[in-house]
Amino acid sequence: MKKTEPAAVIWPFPKWPKSQAAEPVKIGQRPKSGDIADE
């Protein structure tokens, strides 16, 4: 239970932050990179 306590405190959503952080970063960088490459 001690291993779950620190893990839950540091990462309450192991799938939320990873999926949410990876989605906005990829989506935000994709359109920006495309705009620069197109220009």
Protein backbone atom coordinates (compact mmCIF):
# COMPACT_ATOMS: atom_id res chain seq x y z
CA MET A 1 0.00 0.00 0.00
CA LYS A 2 2.98 2.28 0.57
CA LYS A 3 3.92 1.93 -3.10
CA THR A 4 0.40 2.87 -4.19
CA GLU A 5 0.27 5.91 -1.88
CA PRO A 6 3.27 7.78 -3.39
CA ALA A 7 2.36 6.66 -6.91
CA ALA A 8 -1.23 7.90 -6.52
CA VAL A 9 -0.02 11.20 -5.07
CA ILE A 10 2.55 11.78 -7.84
CA TRP A 11 0.41 10.36 -10.67
CA PRO A 12 -3.27 10.29 -9.69
CA PHE A 13 -4.03 9.67 -13.37
CA PRO A 14 -1.24 7.62 -15.00
CA LYS A 15 -3.32 7.31 -18.18
CA TRP A 16 -4.83 10.80 -18.03
CA PRO A 17 -1.70 13.02 -17.96
CA LYS A 18 0.16 10.76 -20.41
CA SER A 19 -2.69 10.63 -22.94
CA GLN A 20 -3.75 14.25 -22.42
CA ALA A 21 -0.18 15.60 -22.43
CA ALA A 22 0.80 13.52 -25.47
CA GLU A 23 -2.34 14.49 -27.43
CA PRO A 24 -2.12 18.30 -27.07
CA VAL A 25 1.65 18.26 -27.59
CA LYS A 26 1.40 16.22 -30.80
CA ILE A 27 -1.67 18.08 -32.08
CA GLY A 28 -0.18 21.49 -31.20
CA GLN A 29 3.21 20.68 -32.73
CA ARG A 30 1.72 19.01 -35.83
CA PRO A 31 -0.25 22.05 -37.10
CA LYS A 32 2.63 24.41 -36.18
CA SER A 33 5.22 22.28 -37.98
CA GLY A 34 2.91 21.92 -41.01
CA ASP A 35 2.30 25.65 -41.19
CA ILE A 36 6.03 26.38 -41.10
CA ALA A 37 6.83 23.63 -43.62
CA ASP A 38 4.05 24.79 -45.95
CA GLU A 39 5.29 28.39 -45.86
